[in-house]
N, C-alpha and C. Protein backbone atom coordinates (compact mmCIF):
# COMPACT_ATOMS: atom_id res chain seq x y z
N MET A 1 30.86 -0.04 -3.53
CA MET A 1 29.93 -1.04 -3.06
C MET A 1 30.32 -1.41 -1.62
N PRO A 2 29.35 -1.53 -0.70
CA PRO A 2 29.68 -1.82 0.68
C PRO A 2 30.28 -3.22 0.83
N GLU A 3 31.16 -3.30 1.79
CA GLU A 3 31.83 -4.57 2.07
C GLU A 3 30.85 -5.54 2.73
N LEU A 4 30.88 -6.79 2.31
CA LEU A 4 30.01 -7.81 2.90
C LEU A 4 30.59 -8.22 4.25
N THR A 5 29.82 -7.92 5.28
CA THR A 5 30.25 -8.29 6.63
C THR A 5 29.42 -9.46 7.11
N ARG A 6 29.87 -10.06 8.18
CA ARG A 6 29.12 -11.18 8.77
C ARG A 6 27.72 -10.72 9.17
N ARG A 7 27.61 -9.52 9.73
CA ARG A 7 26.30 -8.99 10.16
C ARG A 7 25.36 -8.84 8.97
N ARG A 8 25.84 -8.28 7.86
CA ARG A 8 25.00 -8.11 6.67
C ARG A 8 24.59 -9.46 6.09
N ALA A 9 25.50 -10.42 6.10
CA ALA A 9 25.19 -11.75 5.58
C ALA A 9 24.12 -12.42 6.43
N LEU A 10 24.23 -12.32 7.75
CA LEU A 10 23.23 -12.91 8.64
C LEU A 10 21.88 -12.20 8.52
N THR A 11 21.92 -10.88 8.38
CA THR A 11 20.67 -10.13 8.20
C THR A 11 19.97 -10.55 6.92
N ALA A 12 20.72 -10.67 5.84
CA ALA A 12 20.13 -11.09 4.56
C ALA A 12 19.57 -12.50 4.65
N ALA A 13 20.29 -13.39 5.30
CA ALA A 13 19.82 -14.77 5.45
C ALA A 13 18.55 -14.82 6.29
N ALA A 14 18.49 -14.03 7.35
CA ALA A 14 17.29 -13.99 8.19
C ALA A 14 16.10 -13.45 7.42
N ALA A 15 16.34 -12.41 6.61
CA ALA A 15 15.26 -11.84 5.81
C ALA A 15 14.73 -12.84 4.80
N LEU A 16 15.62 -13.57 4.15
CA LEU A 16 15.19 -14.59 3.18
C LEU A 16 14.43 -15.72 3.86
N ALA A 17 14.91 -16.16 5.02
CA ALA A 17 14.23 -17.23 5.74
C ALA A 17 12.84 -16.79 6.18
N THR A 18 12.72 -15.55 6.65
CA THR A 18 11.42 -15.03 7.06
C THR A 18 10.47 -14.95 5.87
N ALA A 19 10.96 -14.42 4.77
CA ALA A 19 10.12 -14.30 3.57
C ALA A 19 9.67 -15.67 3.08
N ALA A 20 10.53 -16.64 3.12
CA ALA A 20 10.18 -17.99 2.66
C ALA A 20 9.14 -18.63 3.58
N GLY A 21 9.21 -18.35 4.86
CA GLY A 21 8.25 -18.93 5.81
C GLY A 21 6.92 -18.24 5.79
N VAL A 22 6.90 -16.94 5.50
CA VAL A 22 5.67 -16.16 5.52
C VAL A 22 4.89 -16.32 4.23
N GLN A 23 5.57 -16.50 3.12
CA GLN A 23 4.92 -16.57 1.82
C GLN A 23 3.83 -17.65 1.75
N PRO A 24 4.06 -18.91 2.19
CA PRO A 24 2.98 -19.89 2.14
C PRO A 24 1.78 -19.50 3.00
N ALA A 25 2.02 -18.86 4.13
CA ALA A 25 0.91 -18.44 4.99
C ALA A 25 0.08 -17.37 4.32
N ILE A 26 0.73 -16.43 3.64
CA ILE A 26 0.00 -15.39 2.92
C ILE A 26 -0.80 -16.00 1.77
N ALA A 27 -0.20 -16.91 1.04
CA ALA A 27 -0.89 -17.55 -0.08
C ALA A 27 -2.11 -18.33 0.42
N ALA A 28 -1.98 -19.02 1.54
CA ALA A 28 -3.11 -19.78 2.08
C ALA A 28 -4.22 -18.86 2.52
N THR A 29 -3.88 -17.72 3.11
CA THR A 29 -4.90 -16.76 3.55
C THR A 29 -5.62 -16.17 2.34
N LEU A 30 -4.87 -15.78 1.31
CA LEU A 30 -5.49 -15.18 0.15
C LEU A 30 -6.33 -16.17 -0.64
N SER A 31 -5.97 -17.44 -0.60
CA SER A 31 -6.76 -18.43 -1.33
C SER A 31 -8.00 -18.84 -0.57
N GLY A 32 -8.12 -18.35 0.67
CA GLY A 32 -9.31 -18.66 1.45
C GLY A 32 -9.21 -19.97 2.20
N THR A 33 -8.04 -20.59 2.22
CA THR A 33 -7.93 -21.86 2.93
C THR A 33 -7.40 -21.66 4.33
N GLY A 34 -6.27 -20.99 4.49
CA GLY A 34 -5.71 -20.74 5.81
C GLY A 34 -5.61 -22.02 6.60
N HIS A 35 -5.92 -21.96 7.88
CA HIS A 35 -5.89 -23.14 8.74
C HIS A 35 -7.24 -23.86 8.75
N ASP A 36 -8.24 -23.29 8.10
CA ASP A 36 -9.60 -23.81 8.14
C ASP A 36 -9.85 -24.64 6.89
N HIS A 37 -9.39 -25.89 6.89
CA HIS A 37 -9.46 -26.73 5.70
C HIS A 37 -10.86 -27.26 5.42
N HIS A 38 -11.74 -27.28 6.41
CA HIS A 38 -13.07 -27.85 6.22
C HIS A 38 -14.15 -26.79 6.16
N GLY A 39 -13.80 -25.52 6.18
CA GLY A 39 -14.76 -24.45 6.14
C GLY A 39 -15.35 -24.18 7.51
N PRO A 40 -16.17 -23.15 7.59
CA PRO A 40 -16.78 -22.79 8.87
C PRO A 40 -17.72 -23.89 9.37
N SER A 41 -17.84 -23.99 10.67
CA SER A 41 -18.75 -24.99 11.23
C SER A 41 -20.20 -24.51 11.14
N SER A 42 -21.11 -25.45 11.19
CA SER A 42 -22.55 -25.13 11.14
C SER A 42 -22.98 -24.49 12.45
N PHE A 43 -24.04 -23.69 12.38
CA PHE A 43 -24.62 -23.11 13.59
C PHE A 43 -26.12 -22.96 13.40
N ASP A 44 -26.85 -22.95 14.50
CA ASP A 44 -28.30 -22.78 14.51
C ASP A 44 -28.65 -22.20 15.87
N GLU A 45 -29.04 -20.94 15.90
CA GLU A 45 -29.31 -20.29 17.17
C GLU A 45 -30.35 -19.19 17.01
N VAL A 46 -30.85 -18.71 18.12
CA VAL A 46 -31.75 -17.56 18.12
C VAL A 46 -30.93 -16.37 18.62
N TYR A 47 -30.89 -15.33 17.79
CA TYR A 47 -30.15 -14.11 18.11
C TYR A 47 -31.12 -12.93 18.03
N LYS A 48 -31.32 -12.26 19.16
CA LYS A 48 -32.23 -11.12 19.24
C LYS A 48 -33.61 -11.47 18.70
N GLY A 49 -34.07 -12.67 19.03
CA GLY A 49 -35.40 -13.11 18.61
C GLY A 49 -35.50 -13.62 17.19
N ARG A 50 -34.40 -13.67 16.46
CA ARG A 50 -34.40 -14.14 15.08
C ARG A 50 -33.61 -15.44 15.01
N ARG A 51 -34.09 -16.39 14.23
CA ARG A 51 -33.37 -17.65 14.06
C ARG A 51 -32.33 -17.48 12.96
N ILE A 52 -31.07 -17.68 13.32
CA ILE A 52 -30.00 -17.62 12.33
C ILE A 52 -29.37 -19.00 12.21
N GLN A 53 -29.07 -19.38 10.98
CA GLN A 53 -28.50 -20.69 10.70
C GLN A 53 -27.39 -20.54 9.66
N GLY A 54 -26.43 -21.43 9.75
CA GLY A 54 -25.38 -21.48 8.76
C GLY A 54 -24.91 -22.91 8.60
N ARG A 55 -24.64 -23.29 7.36
CA ARG A 55 -24.21 -24.67 7.08
C ARG A 55 -23.57 -24.72 5.69
N PRO A 56 -22.81 -25.76 5.44
CA PRO A 56 -22.27 -25.93 4.08
C PRO A 56 -23.41 -25.94 3.07
N ALA A 57 -23.21 -25.25 1.96
CA ALA A 57 -24.24 -25.15 0.92
C ALA A 57 -24.35 -26.47 0.18
N SER A 58 -25.55 -26.76 -0.28
CA SER A 58 -25.78 -28.01 -1.01
C SER A 58 -26.29 -27.73 -2.41
N GLY A 59 -25.62 -26.80 -3.11
CA GLY A 59 -25.96 -26.58 -4.53
C GLY A 59 -27.05 -25.58 -4.78
N GLY A 60 -27.03 -24.41 -4.12
CA GLY A 60 -28.07 -23.42 -4.31
C GLY A 60 -27.75 -22.33 -5.32
N GLY A 61 -26.53 -22.28 -5.86
CA GLY A 61 -26.24 -21.30 -6.88
C GLY A 61 -25.31 -20.18 -6.43
N HIS A 62 -25.17 -19.92 -5.13
CA HIS A 62 -24.31 -18.84 -4.67
C HIS A 62 -23.00 -19.38 -4.10
N GLU A 63 -22.65 -20.61 -4.36
CA GLU A 63 -21.47 -21.22 -3.75
C GLU A 63 -20.20 -20.45 -4.07
N HIS A 64 -20.11 -19.88 -5.27
CA HIS A 64 -18.89 -19.20 -5.65
C HIS A 64 -18.65 -17.95 -4.81
N HIS A 65 -19.68 -17.32 -4.30
CA HIS A 65 -19.50 -16.13 -3.46
C HIS A 65 -19.34 -16.51 -2.00
N GLY A 66 -20.16 -17.40 -1.51
CA GLY A 66 -20.14 -17.77 -0.10
C GLY A 66 -19.19 -18.89 0.22
N GLY A 67 -18.36 -19.26 -0.72
CA GLY A 67 -17.39 -20.30 -0.46
C GLY A 67 -18.01 -21.65 -0.15
N GLY A 68 -19.19 -21.92 -0.73
CA GLY A 68 -19.85 -23.20 -0.45
C GLY A 68 -20.54 -23.23 0.89
N TYR A 69 -20.94 -22.05 1.40
CA TYR A 69 -21.56 -21.94 2.71
C TYR A 69 -22.82 -21.12 2.58
N ALA A 70 -23.90 -21.54 3.25
CA ALA A 70 -25.18 -20.83 3.19
C ALA A 70 -25.56 -20.33 4.58
N VAL A 71 -26.11 -19.11 4.63
CA VAL A 71 -26.55 -18.48 5.87
C VAL A 71 -28.02 -18.11 5.71
N PHE A 72 -28.79 -18.32 6.77
CA PHE A 72 -30.23 -18.04 6.74
C PHE A 72 -30.63 -17.20 7.94
N VAL A 73 -31.58 -16.27 7.73
CA VAL A 73 -32.20 -15.51 8.80
C VAL A 73 -33.69 -15.80 8.72
N ASP A 74 -34.24 -16.42 9.74
CA ASP A 74 -35.65 -16.81 9.78
C ASP A 74 -36.03 -17.63 8.54
N GLY A 75 -35.13 -18.48 8.09
CA GLY A 75 -35.40 -19.38 6.98
C GLY A 75 -35.17 -18.80 5.60
N VAL A 76 -34.86 -17.51 5.52
CA VAL A 76 -34.60 -16.85 4.23
C VAL A 76 -33.09 -16.78 4.05
N GLU A 77 -32.61 -17.20 2.87
CA GLU A 77 -31.17 -17.18 2.64
C GLU A 77 -30.63 -15.76 2.59
N LEU A 78 -29.56 -15.55 3.35
CA LEU A 78 -28.84 -14.29 3.36
C LEU A 78 -27.68 -14.43 2.40
N HIS A 79 -27.64 -13.62 1.36
CA HIS A 79 -26.55 -13.69 0.39
C HIS A 79 -25.26 -13.24 1.07
N VAL A 80 -24.28 -14.15 1.16
CA VAL A 80 -23.01 -13.85 1.81
C VAL A 80 -21.86 -14.04 0.84
N MET A 81 -20.73 -13.42 1.18
CA MET A 81 -19.55 -13.55 0.35
C MET A 81 -18.32 -13.56 1.25
N ARG A 82 -17.39 -14.44 0.93
CA ARG A 82 -16.12 -14.48 1.66
C ARG A 82 -15.09 -13.66 0.88
N ASN A 83 -14.45 -12.74 1.57
CA ASN A 83 -13.43 -11.88 0.97
C ASN A 83 -12.11 -12.61 0.88
N ALA A 84 -11.20 -12.07 0.10
CA ALA A 84 -9.88 -12.67 -0.08
C ALA A 84 -9.10 -12.77 1.22
N ASP A 85 -9.35 -11.86 2.16
CA ASP A 85 -8.63 -11.89 3.43
C ASP A 85 -9.25 -12.84 4.45
N GLY A 86 -10.33 -13.55 4.05
CA GLY A 86 -10.98 -14.51 4.94
C GLY A 86 -12.16 -13.93 5.69
N SER A 87 -12.37 -12.62 5.62
CA SER A 87 -13.52 -12.02 6.29
C SER A 87 -14.79 -12.27 5.47
N TRP A 88 -15.94 -11.99 6.07
CA TRP A 88 -17.23 -12.24 5.43
C TRP A 88 -18.06 -10.96 5.41
N ILE A 89 -18.87 -10.82 4.35
CA ILE A 89 -19.83 -9.73 4.25
C ILE A 89 -21.15 -10.30 3.74
N SER A 90 -22.21 -9.52 3.88
CA SER A 90 -23.50 -9.94 3.34
C SER A 90 -24.10 -8.80 2.54
N VAL A 91 -25.17 -9.09 1.86
CA VAL A 91 -25.87 -8.07 1.08
C VAL A 91 -26.45 -7.01 2.02
N VAL A 92 -26.69 -7.36 3.27
CA VAL A 92 -27.26 -6.42 4.25
C VAL A 92 -26.17 -5.56 4.89
N SER A 93 -25.05 -6.15 5.22
CA SER A 93 -23.96 -5.41 5.87
C SER A 93 -22.71 -5.50 5.01
N HIS A 94 -22.81 -4.96 3.81
CA HIS A 94 -21.78 -5.13 2.78
C HIS A 94 -20.47 -4.43 3.09
N TYR A 95 -20.51 -3.34 3.82
CA TYR A 95 -19.30 -2.56 4.06
C TYR A 95 -18.70 -2.76 5.44
N GLU A 96 -19.15 -3.79 6.14
CA GLU A 96 -18.63 -4.09 7.47
C GLU A 96 -18.20 -5.55 7.53
N PRO A 97 -16.98 -5.87 7.09
CA PRO A 97 -16.51 -7.26 7.12
C PRO A 97 -16.42 -7.79 8.54
N VAL A 98 -16.76 -9.06 8.70
CA VAL A 98 -16.72 -9.74 10.00
C VAL A 98 -15.94 -11.04 9.83
N PRO A 99 -15.53 -11.68 10.95
CA PRO A 99 -14.63 -12.82 10.84
C PRO A 99 -15.23 -14.15 10.38
N ASP A 100 -16.56 -14.35 10.53
CA ASP A 100 -17.12 -15.65 10.19
C ASP A 100 -18.60 -15.54 9.84
N PRO A 101 -19.21 -16.62 9.31
CA PRO A 101 -20.62 -16.57 8.91
C PRO A 101 -21.59 -16.30 10.06
N ARG A 102 -21.30 -16.78 11.26
CA ARG A 102 -22.17 -16.50 12.41
C ARG A 102 -22.20 -14.99 12.67
N ALA A 103 -21.04 -14.37 12.62
CA ALA A 103 -20.96 -12.92 12.84
C ALA A 103 -21.66 -12.15 11.72
N VAL A 104 -21.59 -12.65 10.48
CA VAL A 104 -22.26 -11.96 9.37
C VAL A 104 -23.78 -12.08 9.54
N ALA A 105 -24.28 -13.21 10.04
CA ALA A 105 -25.71 -13.36 10.29
C ALA A 105 -26.16 -12.42 11.42
N ARG A 106 -25.37 -12.34 12.48
CA ARG A 106 -25.70 -11.44 13.58
C ARG A 106 -25.68 -9.98 13.13
N ALA A 107 -24.69 -9.61 12.32
CA ALA A 107 -24.61 -8.24 11.81
C ALA A 107 -25.84 -7.91 10.96
N ALA A 108 -26.30 -8.87 10.18
CA ALA A 108 -27.50 -8.65 9.35
C ALA A 108 -28.73 -8.44 10.24
N VAL A 109 -28.87 -9.26 11.29
CA VAL A 109 -30.00 -9.09 12.21
C VAL A 109 -29.94 -7.70 12.85
N ASP A 110 -28.76 -7.28 13.27
CA ASP A 110 -28.61 -5.95 13.86
C ASP A 110 -29.02 -4.87 12.86
N GLU A 111 -28.59 -5.01 11.62
CA GLU A 111 -28.88 -4.01 10.59
C GLU A 111 -30.36 -4.00 10.20
N LEU A 112 -30.98 -5.17 10.19
CA LEU A 112 -32.40 -5.26 9.81
C LEU A 112 -33.31 -4.59 10.83
N GLN A 113 -32.91 -4.52 12.09
CA GLN A 113 -33.69 -3.87 13.15
C GLN A 113 -35.14 -4.33 13.18
N GLY A 114 -35.34 -5.64 13.04
CA GLY A 114 -36.69 -6.20 13.11
C GLY A 114 -37.38 -6.36 11.77
N ALA A 115 -36.87 -5.76 10.72
CA ALA A 115 -37.47 -5.90 9.38
C ALA A 115 -37.23 -7.30 8.85
N ALA A 116 -38.12 -7.74 7.99
CA ALA A 116 -37.97 -9.06 7.38
C ALA A 116 -36.87 -9.03 6.31
N LEU A 117 -36.12 -10.11 6.23
CA LEU A 117 -35.12 -10.27 5.16
C LEU A 117 -35.86 -10.75 3.93
N LEU A 118 -35.70 -10.04 2.83
CA LEU A 118 -36.33 -10.43 1.58
C LEU A 118 -35.35 -11.27 0.78
N PRO A 119 -35.84 -12.26 0.02
CA PRO A 119 -34.95 -13.08 -0.79
C PRO A 119 -34.18 -12.23 -1.78
N PHE A 120 -32.91 -12.55 -1.97
CA PHE A 120 -32.03 -11.85 -2.91
C PHE A 120 -32.11 -12.55 -4.24
N PRO A 121 -32.48 -11.83 -5.32
CA PRO A 121 -32.60 -12.50 -6.64
C PRO A 121 -31.24 -12.94 -7.15
N ALA A 122 -31.19 -14.16 -7.63
CA ALA A 122 -29.94 -14.71 -8.20
C ALA A 122 -29.73 -14.14 -9.59
N ASN A 123 -28.50 -13.86 -9.91
CA ASN A 123 -28.18 -13.35 -11.26
C ASN A 123 -27.74 -14.47 -12.14
């Protein structure tokens, strides 16, 4: 068995301290809280001629997927979902995660290429 040296003891202590400090940050990220305790901020803008909006959801049925947040394109709700890593996807751009709801709305407008967003049936 290798002899315990001062260098090995300090290395082990540093590794434990790093692991202890990083673990809460990883847990917060995976739980979807991170540093954003109040959720994404609301937005209302025109992007490429389409009105996109986002705001905290007020009981529409998809809260469990969108983390209590609703996104709209031209007044039609865009079904969104927040991933475990904090990124966002939508039913329109499902395989391209983006950092926030505004980006997911813009990605949907880009993908729609002028087509109307149809309502997504709730299950």
